[in-house]
Structures are given as structure tokens and as C-alpha cells.
C-alpha atoms as a PDB file:
ATOM      1  CA  MET A   1     -14.183  12.714  -7.036  1.00  0.00           C
ATOM      2  CA  ARG A   2     -16.489  15.426  -8.295  1.00  0.00           C
ATOM      3  CA  ARG A   3     -15.667  19.094  -8.258  1.00  0.00           C
ATOM      4  CA  ARG A   4     -18.276  21.791  -8.775  1.00  0.00           C
ATOM      5  CA  ASN A   5     -18.580  22.859 -12.418  1.00  0.00           C
ATOM      6  CA  GLN A   6     -15.956  20.339 -13.509  1.00  0.00           C
ATOM      7  CA  GLN A   7     -15.986  16.885 -15.065  1.00  0.00           C
ATOM      8  CA  PRO A   8     -15.537  13.868 -12.758  1.00  0.00           C
ATOM      9  CA  HIS A   9     -11.889  13.596 -11.771  1.00  0.00           C
ATOM     10  CA  TYR A  10     -10.336  10.263 -10.853  1.00  0.00           C
ATOM     11  CA  ASP A  11      -6.698   9.412 -10.292  1.00  0.00           C
ATOM     12  CA  PHE A  12      -6.233   5.721  -9.641  1.00  0.00           C
ATOM     13  CA  ASP A  13      -2.543   5.568 -10.651  1.00  0.00           C
ATOM     14  CA  LEU A  14      -1.255   6.790  -7.326  1.00  0.00           C
ATOM     15  CA  PHE A  15       2.434   5.942  -7.331  1.00  0.00           C
ATOM     16  CA  LYS A  16       3.707   6.161 -10.901  1.00  0.00           C
ATOM     17  CA  THR A  17       2.812   5.489 -14.514  1.00  0.00           C
ATOM     18  CA  THR A  18       4.560   2.424 -15.906  1.00  0.00           C
ATOM     19  CA  ASP A  19       4.287   0.120 -18.895  1.00  0.00           C
ATOM     20  CA  GLN A  20       2.650  -2.407 -16.595  1.00  0.00           C
ATOM     21  CA  THR A  21       0.046   0.147 -15.515  1.00  0.00           C
ATOM     22  CA  SER A  22      -0.755   1.161 -19.080  1.00  0.00           C
ATOM     23  CA  ALA A  23      -1.163  -2.460 -20.138  1.00  0.00           C
ATOM     24  CA  LEU A  24      -4.057  -2.811 -17.672  1.00  0.00           C
ATOM     25  CA  ASP A  25      -5.862   0.382 -18.673  1.00  0.00           C
ATOM     26  CA  ASP A  26      -8.489  -1.482 -20.687  1.00  0.00           C
ATOM     27  CA  ARG A  27      -8.898  -4.514 -18.420  1.00  0.00           C
ATOM     28  CA  LEU A  28     -12.125  -4.698 -16.445  1.00  0.00           C
ATOM     29  CA  LEU A  29     -11.695  -4.113 -12.723  1.00  0.00           C
ATOM     30  CA  SER A  30     -13.735  -7.258 -12.083  1.00  0.00           C
ATOM     31  CA  GLU A  31     -11.233  -9.330 -14.073  1.00  0.00           C
ATOM     32  CA  LEU A  32      -8.022  -8.117 -12.416  1.00  0.00           C
ATOM     33  CA  SER A  33      -6.017  -9.983  -9.796  1.00  0.00           C
ATOM     34  CA  PHE A  34      -5.372  -7.885  -6.682  1.00  0.00           C
ATOM     35  CA  THR A  35      -2.908  -8.196  -3.821  1.00  0.00           C
ATOM     36  CA  VAL A  36      -4.419  -6.291  -0.917  1.00  0.00           C
ATOM     37  CA  PHE A  37      -1.807  -5.416   1.695  1.00  0.00           C
ATOM     38  CA  ASP A  38      -1.131  -3.531   4.889  1.00  0.00           C
ATOM     39  CA  THR A  39       1.920  -2.803   7.021  1.00  0.00           C
ATOM     40  CA  GLU A  40       2.569  -2.189  10.702  1.00  0.00           C
ATOM     41  CA  THR A  41       5.519   0.004  11.621  1.00  0.00           C
ATOM     42  CA  THR A  42       7.660   1.284  14.479  1.00  0.00           C
ATOM     43  CA  GLY A  43       6.101   4.720  14.061  1.00  0.00           C
ATOM     44  CA  LEU A  44       4.504   7.016  11.515  1.00  0.00           C
ATOM     45  CA  ASN A  45       7.543   8.737   9.966  1.00  0.00           C
ATOM     46  CA  PRO A  46       9.404   6.587   7.424  1.00  0.00           C
ATOM     47  CA  SER A  47      11.546   9.517   6.304  1.00  0.00           C
ATOM     48  CA  GLU A  48      12.765   9.862   9.889  1.00  0.00           C
ATOM     49  CA  GLY A  49      13.813   6.253  10.304  1.00  0.00           C
ATOM     50  CA  ASP A  50      10.643   4.380  11.224  1.00  0.00           C
ATOM     51  CA  GLU A  51      10.585   0.861   9.816  1.00  0.00           C
ATOM     52  CA  ILE A  52       8.167  -1.886   8.847  1.00  0.00           C
ATOM     53  CA  ILE A  53       7.595  -4.525  11.535  1.00  0.00           C
ATOM     54  CA  GLN A  54       4.866  -6.547   9.827  1.00  0.00           C
ATOM     55  CA  ILE A  55       3.510  -7.064   6.311  1.00  0.00           C
ATOM     56  CA  GLY A  56       0.204  -8.780   5.665  1.00  0.00           C
ATOM     57  CA  ALA A  57      -1.542  -9.402   2.358  1.00  0.00           C
ATOM     58  CA  THR A  58      -4.313 -11.394   0.737  1.00  0.00           C
ATOM     59  CA  ARG A  59      -5.515 -12.026  -2.798  1.00  0.00           C
ATOM     60  CA  CYS A  60      -8.682 -11.120  -4.699  1.00  0.00           C
ATOM     61  CA  VAL A  61      -9.264 -12.822  -8.058  1.00  0.00           C
ATOM     62  CA  ASN A  62     -12.356 -12.681 -10.297  1.00  0.00           C
ATOM     63  CA  GLY A  63     -14.324 -10.794  -7.678  1.00  0.00           C
ATOM     64  CA  LYS A  64     -13.576 -13.277  -4.900  1.00  0.00           C
ATOM     65  CA  LEU A  65     -11.474 -13.035  -1.754  1.00  0.00           C
ATOM     66  CA  LEU A  66      -9.046 -15.954  -1.559  1.00  0.00           C
ATOM     67  CA  LYS A  67      -8.263 -16.036   2.143  1.00  0.00           C
ATOM     68  CA  GLN A  68      -6.186 -19.169   1.714  1.00  0.00           C
ATOM     69  CA  GLU A  69      -3.770 -17.155  -0.437  1.00  0.00           C
ATOM     70  CA  SER A  70      -2.254 -14.900   2.184  1.00  0.00           C
ATOM     71  CA  PHE A  71       1.077 -13.450   3.238  1.00  0.00           C
ATOM     72  CA  GLU A  72       1.940 -12.563   6.835  1.00  0.00           C
ATOM     73  CA  GLN A  73       5.380 -11.907   8.257  1.00  0.00           C
ATOM     74  CA  LEU A  74       6.850 -10.105  11.241  1.00  0.00           C
ATOM     75  CA  VAL A  75       9.959  -8.076  10.423  1.00  0.00           C
ATOM     76  CA  ASN A  76      12.942  -7.240  12.607  1.00  0.00           C
ATOM     77  CA  PRO A  77      13.237  -3.446  12.147  1.00  0.00           C
ATOM     78  CA  GLY A  78      16.777  -3.196  13.492  1.00  0.00           C
ATOM     79  CA  ARG A  79      15.630  -0.497  15.882  1.00  0.00           C
ATOM     80  CA  LEU A  80      13.400  -0.081  18.909  1.00  0.00           C
ATOM     81  CA  ILE A  81       9.646  -0.084  18.469  1.00  0.00           C
ATOM     82  CA  SER A  82       8.107   3.106  19.796  1.00  0.00           C
ATOM     83  CA  PRO A  83       6.303   2.307  23.078  1.00  0.00           C
ATOM     84  CA  ALA A  84       3.481   4.620  22.003  1.00  0.00           C
ATOM     85  CA  THR A  85       2.675   2.373  19.034  1.00  0.00           C
ATOM     86  CA  ILE A  86       2.664  -0.976  20.860  1.00  0.00           C
ATOM     87  CA  PRO A  87      -0.897  -0.572  22.238  1.00  0.00           C
ATOM     88  CA  ILE A  88      -2.077   0.041  18.656  1.00  0.00           C
ATOM     89  CA  HIS A  89      -0.552  -2.899  16.798  1.00  0.00           C
ATOM     90  CA  GLY A  90       0.304  -5.149  19.754  1.00  0.00           C
ATOM     91  CA  ILE A  91       3.769  -6.000  18.425  1.00  0.00           C
ATOM     92  CA  THR A  92       6.495  -5.899  21.082  1.00  0.00           C
ATOM     93  CA  GLN A  93      10.268  -5.871  20.766  1.00  0.00           C
ATOM     94  CA  ASP A  94      10.451  -9.505  21.875  1.00  0.00           C
ATOM     95  CA  MET A  95       8.109 -10.543  19.064  1.00  0.00           C
ATOM     96  CA  VAL A  96      10.430  -9.227  16.340  1.00  0.00           C
ATOM     97  CA  GLU A  97      13.698 -10.464  17.842  1.00  0.00           C
ATOM     98  CA  GLY A  98      15.113 -13.181  15.604  1.00  0.00           C
ATOM     99  CA  LYS A  99      12.712 -12.425  12.761  1.00  0.00           C
ATOM    100  CA  PRO A 100      14.051 -11.735   9.247  1.00  0.00           C
ATOM    101  CA  ASP A 101      14.822  -8.147   8.332  1.00  0.00           C
ATOM    102  CA  ILE A 102      13.195  -6.234   5.506  1.00  0.00           C
ATOM    103  CA  THR A 103      15.863  -7.256   2.968  1.00  0.00           C
ATOM    104  CA  GLU A 104      14.589 -10.840   3.326  1.00  0.00           C
ATOM    105  CA  VAL A 105      10.878 -10.140   3.728  1.00  0.00           C
ATOM    106  CA  LEU A 106      10.397  -7.603   0.947  1.00  0.00           C
ATOM    107  CA  PRO A 107      11.573  -9.917  -1.879  1.00  0.00           C
ATOM    108  CA  ALA A 108       9.169 -12.583  -0.594  1.00  0.00           C
ATOM    109  CA  PHE A 109       6.298 -10.097  -0.607  1.00  0.00           C
ATOM    110  CA  TYR A 110       7.331  -8.872  -4.054  1.00  0.00           C
ATOM    111  CA  ALA A 111       7.131 -12.438  -5.366  1.00  0.00           C
ATOM    112  CA  PHE A 112       3.724 -12.912  -3.720  1.00  0.00           C
ATOM    113  CA  ALA A 113       2.406  -9.759  -5.405  1.00  0.00           C
ATOM    114  CA  GLN A 114       3.911 -10.471  -8.808  1.00  0.00           C
ATOM    115  CA  ASP A 115       1.626  -9.738 -11.790  1.00  0.00           C
ATOM    116  CA  THR A 116      -1.153  -8.271  -9.637  1.00  0.00           C
ATOM    117  CA  VAL A 117      -2.556  -4.849  -8.825  1.00  0.00           C
ATOM    118  CA  LEU A 118      -1.550  -3.678  -5.359  1.00  0.00           C
ATOM    119  CA  VAL A 119      -4.346  -2.364  -3.146  1.00  0.00           C
ATOM    120  CA  ALA A 120      -4.007  -0.530   0.161  1.00  0.00           C
ATOM    121  CA  HIS A 121      -6.125   1.746   2.314  1.00  0.00           C
ATOM    122  CA  ASN A 122      -4.546   5.185   2.451  1.00  0.00           C
ATOM    123  CA  ALA A 123      -1.797   4.044   0.109  1.00  0.00           C
ATOM    124  CA  VAL A 124       0.236   7.217   0.638  1.00  0.00           C
ATOM    125  CA  PHE A 125       1.013   5.865   4.112  1.00  0.00           C
ATOM    126  CA  ASP A 126       2.537   2.744   2.598  1.00  0.00           C
ATOM    127  CA  GLU A 127       5.411   4.744   1.150  1.00  0.00           C
ATOM    128  CA  PHE A 128       7.355   2.601   3.630  1.00  0.00           C
ATOM    129  CA  LEU A 129       7.572   0.026   0.832  1.00  0.00           C
ATOM    130  CA  GLN A 130       8.975   2.515  -1.629  1.00  0.00           C
ATOM    131  CA  LEU A 131      11.620   3.749   0.789  1.00  0.00           C
ATOM    132  CA  GLN A 132      12.837   0.169   1.204  1.00  0.00           C
ATOM    133  CA  GLU A 133      13.387  -0.356  -2.519  1.00  0.00           C
ATOM    134  CA  ILE A 134      16.898   1.093  -2.278  1.00  0.00           C
ATOM    135  CA  HIS A 135      17.921  -1.650   0.186  1.00  0.00           C
ATOM    136  CA  THR A 136      16.649  -4.543  -1.917  1.00  0.00           C
ATOM    137  CA  ASP A 137      17.126  -3.497  -5.560  1.00  0.00           C
ATOM    138  CA  LEU A 138      13.406  -4.071  -6.038  1.00  0.00           C
ATOM    139  CA  VAL A 139      11.108  -1.607  -7.771  1.00  0.00           C
ATOM    140  CA  PHE A 140       7.405  -1.817  -7.005  1.00  0.00           C
ATOM    141  CA  ASN A 141       6.094  -0.721 -10.398  1.00  0.00           C
ATOM    142  CA  HIS A 142       2.773  -2.451  -9.834  1.00  0.00           C
ATOM    143  CA  PRO A 143      -0.406  -0.493 -10.509  1.00  0.00           C
ATOM    144  CA  VAL A 144      -1.838   0.682  -7.172  1.00  0.00           C
ATOM    145  CA  LEU A 145      -5.409   1.316  -6.103  1.00  0.00           C
ATOM    146  CA  ASP A 146      -6.319   3.076  -2.875  1.00  0.00           C
ATOM    147  CA  THR A 147      -9.622   2.125  -1.255  1.00  0.00           C
ATOM    148  CA  LEU A 148      -9.605   5.461   0.596  1.00  0.00           C
ATOM    149  CA  LEU A 149      -9.881   7.351  -2.682  1.00  0.00           C
ATOM    150  CA  LEU A 150     -12.215   4.792  -4.256  1.00  0.00           C
ATOM    151  CA  SER A 151     -14.546   5.219  -1.285  1.00  0.00           C
ATOM    152  CA  ALA A 152     -14.482   8.977  -1.790  1.00  0.00           C
ATOM    153  CA  VAL A 153     -15.461   8.491  -5.436  1.00  0.00           C
ATOM    154  CA  VAL A 154     -18.360   6.183  -4.562  1.00  0.00           C
ATOM    155  CA  HIS A 155     -19.549   8.033  -1.455  1.00  0.00           C
ATOM    156  CA  PRO A 156     -18.364  11.641  -1.876  1.00  0.00           C
ATOM    157  CA  ASN A 157     -20.745  12.997   0.756  1.00  0.00           C
ATOM    158  CA  GLN A 158     -19.675  10.720   3.589  1.00  0.00           C
ATOM    159  CA  GLU A 159     -17.898  12.483   6.420  1.00  0.00           C
ATOM    160  CA  SER A 160     -15.277   9.793   7.049  1.00  0.00           C
ATOM    161  CA  HIS A 161     -13.375   7.370   4.865  1.00  0.00           C
ATOM    162  CA  ARG A 162     -11.554   5.604   7.661  1.00  0.00           C
ATOM    163  CA  LEU A 163     -11.389   1.858   7.179  1.00  0.00           C
ATOM    164  CA  GLU A 164     -13.717   1.213  10.131  1.00  0.00           C
ATOM    165  CA  ALA A 165     -16.268   3.717   8.827  1.00  0.00           C
ATOM    166  CA  ILE A 166     -16.309   2.170   5.355  1.00  0.00           C
ATOM    167  CA  ALA A 167     -16.572  -1.338   6.808  1.00  0.00           C
ATOM    168  CA  GLU A 168     -19.543  -0.241   8.897  1.00  0.00           C
ATOM    169  CA  ARG A 169     -21.287   1.203   5.825  1.00  0.00           C
ATOM    170  CA  PHE A 170     -20.876  -2.148   4.062  1.00  0.00           C
ATOM    171  CA  ASN A 171     -21.715  -4.260   7.148  1.00  0.00           C
ATOM    172  CA  ILE A 172     -18.262  -5.858   7.071  1.00  0.00           C
ATOM    173  CA  THR A 173     -17.140  -7.511  10.298  1.00  0.00           C
ATOM    174  CA  VAL A 174     -13.786  -6.087  11.427  1.00  0.00           C
ATOM    175  CA  LEU A 175     -11.477  -8.672  12.973  1.00  0.00           C
ATOM    176  CA  GLY A 176      -7.808  -8.207  13.806  1.00  0.00           C
ATOM    177  CA  ARG A 177      -7.835  -4.420  13.414  1.00  0.00           C
ATOM    178  CA  HIS A 178      -4.320  -2.961  13.400  1.00  0.00           C
ATOM    179  CA  THR A 179      -2.717  -6.241  12.483  1.00  0.00           C
ATOM    180  CA  ALA A 180      -1.314  -6.217   8.978  1.00  0.00           C
ATOM    181  CA  LEU A 181      -3.205  -9.277   7.740  1.00  0.00           C
ATOM    182  CA  GLY A 182      -6.395  -8.343   9.606  1.00  0.00           C
ATOM    183  CA  ASP A 183      -6.476  -4.897   8.018  1.00  0.00           C
ATOM    184  CA  ALA A 184      -5.607  -6.352   4.607  1.00  0.00           C
ATOM    185  CA  LEU A 185      -8.567  -8.740   4.835  1.00  0.00           C
ATOM    186  CA  VAL A 186     -10.970  -5.919   5.757  1.00  0.00           C
ATOM    187  CA  THR A 187      -9.570  -3.763   2.950  1.00  0.00           C
ATOM    188  CA  ALA A 188     -10.085  -6.646   0.513  1.00  0.00           C
ATOM    189  CA  GLU A 189     -13.720  -6.957   1.575  1.00  0.00           C
ATOM    190  CA  VAL A 190     -14.133  -3.208   1.085  1.00  0.00           C
ATOM    191  CA  LEU A 191     -12.569  -3.402  -2.380  1.00  0.00           C
ATOM    192  CA  LEU A 192     -14.980  -6.135  -3.460  1.00  0.00           C
ATOM    193  CA  ARG A 193     -17.947  -4.002  -2.315  1.00  0.00           C
ATOM    194  CA  LEU A 194     -16.606  -0.908  -4.093  1.00  0.00           C
ATOM    195  CA  ILE A 195     -15.962  -2.446  -7.505  1.00  0.00           C
ATOM    196  CA  PRO A 196     -19.652  -3.032  -8.413  1.00  0.00           C
ATOM    197  CA  LEU A 197     -20.492   0.505  -7.254  1.00  0.00           C
ATOM    198  CA  LEU A 198     -17.698   1.923  -9.395  1.00  0.00           C
ATOM    199  CA  GLN A 199     -18.947  -0.107 -12.351  1.00  0.00           C
ATOM    200  CA  ALA A 200     -22.457   1.274 -11.817  1.00  0.00           C
ATOM    201  CA  MET A 201     -20.925   4.752 -12.132  1.00  0.00           C
ATOM    202  CA  GLY A 202     -19.336   3.787 -15.445  1.00  0.00           C
ATOM    203  CA  ILE A 203     -15.865   3.237 -13.969  1.00  0.00           C
ATOM    204  CA  THR A 204     -15.105  -0.250 -15.242  1.00  0.00           C
ATOM    205  CA  THR A 205     -11.323  -0.172 -15.846  1.00  0.00           C
ATOM    206  CA  PRO A 206      -8.288   1.266 -14.030  1.00  0.00           C
ATOM    207  CA  ALA A 207      -7.780   3.832 -16.804  1.00  0.00           C
ATOM    208  CA  PRO A 208      -7.961   7.266 -15.123  1.00  0.00           C
ATOM    209  CA  GLY A 209      -9.779  10.279 -16.416  1.00  0.00           C
ATOM    210  CA  PRO A 210      -8.160  13.723 -16.513  1.00  0.00           C
ATOM    211  CA  ARG A 211      -5.377  13.766 -13.949  1.00  0.00           C
ATOM    212  CA  GLY A 212      -4.549  16.243 -11.269  1.00  0.00           C
ATOM    213  CA  SER A 213      -2.574  16.280  -8.073  1.00  0.00           C
ATOM    214  CA  THR A 214      -2.967  13.184  -5.925  1.00  0.00           C
ATOM    215  CA  GLU A 215      -1.951  15.328  -2.961  1.00  0.00           C
ATOM    216  CA  ASP A 216      -4.886  17.614  -3.760  1.00  0.00           C
ATOM    217  CA  LEU A 217      -7.248  14.658  -3.746  1.00  0.00           C
ATOM    218  CA  TYR A 218      -6.026  13.511  -0.338  1.00  0.00           C
ATOM    219  CA  ALA A 219      -6.227  17.038   1.038  1.00  0.00           C
ATOM    220  CA  ARG A 220      -9.939  17.120   0.245  1.00  0.00           C
ATOM    221  CA  LEU A 221     -10.660  13.977   2.273  1.00  0.00           C
ATOM    222  CA  LYS A 222     -11.326  13.689   5.978  1.00  0.00           C
ATOM    223  CA  TYR A 223      -9.594  10.524   7.131  1.00  0.00           C
END
């Protein structure tokens, strides 16, 4: 993201800096393996008790979307799903009854995403995963890319960086919106369109430039 009278400023390491992140600093983006994921939840406030009710993910390897390598699982949240959210994601209480809880699903997703870069759209929202680490003894120390911020780097003058708006700019067909796997597939398509544009700007590896506040970057975006 460019700031007036300053050098280009990118912060791709959104969650934390780890040995695993640093090891990828010099790898080409086009050569990395990505797990692109999305979650559906009981509501929008994980710190106030909202829980994951669905995780969906797909894989991108060597610049290709591998739809056959996917992860999709409903999750029993152990609490009621907010009626206000049901029209959005279409997941009812009956659909999650009898499904595994997050302590079973998260280790399976962790294994699926092993040795890959995690990708999400508006990754700050997916802090749901981080809040669940305490219940599973898992630590998601994967490098993380956010297509929301990558879109802002590539198209800084666009008014919106919502997933639908980006998909429309790239002529990507949106199917299964607001299902975890459906949104993950669209996000994966967006990622594959963004990488060549980033490379054309000279951004060829995950190594960030001068860092600043990730919160500041998000505050400058209209989502």
C-alpha cells in the first residue's frame, strides 16, 4: 500500500513472525503451496463466545487451483446459532447437531494445512482459529496472506475490496457465496489472479518491506 511521500509499505506477515515464516521469505510466491480457507460462525464476535460452525479450504500449488484437494466440515458449536446469521450462511441448528466439535475438526484442518501458507480474505476476521488454539494445544504458526490487503496493494484506487467486488474485477464466477468452501474457492481464484500482478510490481516473495501497524493498514481500507 502506498502512502504519499513514503516508500511502498507492505505487511504480508499478518499474524506473527515465526521461523517457518522467515524460511519462506526468499521463496517465489508462484512456487509456494497455499491452503485457502474460510469459516462460517454463529456470529461475528469470537471474543464474546461466537463459535465456528463450518470450515472450508482448498489448495493452490504451482499457480494452479487443485479443487480435488479440499476440506469441508460442519462443526457443532456447542451453542445456539444466531437466527440473524442463518439467512447469510444457511446453516441451521439441525445441520450441526451430531457433528464433531472444534476440538476434533481443528486438528484435521491443521493436518490438511500442514507445510503450506494459509490464505484468507479479511484474515483478521479469522481470529476464530487463533482463539481455538487453547482448546486443542495447536498453534497455527503458518505464514498468512490476506487477499484483502493484497488487493489493496494491486488496486489501491479501487473503492471496495470486498470479495464480490474483487471477483467481479477479475471476471470470476461466484458460486456458493457465504459457504466456507464456496468462499475459499473464490478466494483461491482471486489469489491466483493477484500473484502475477504482484510480481509485475516487483513483489515476488512473501518477504515484507518496512513494517508498520497491520491495524493501520486495515483502517485505511473500505471493506
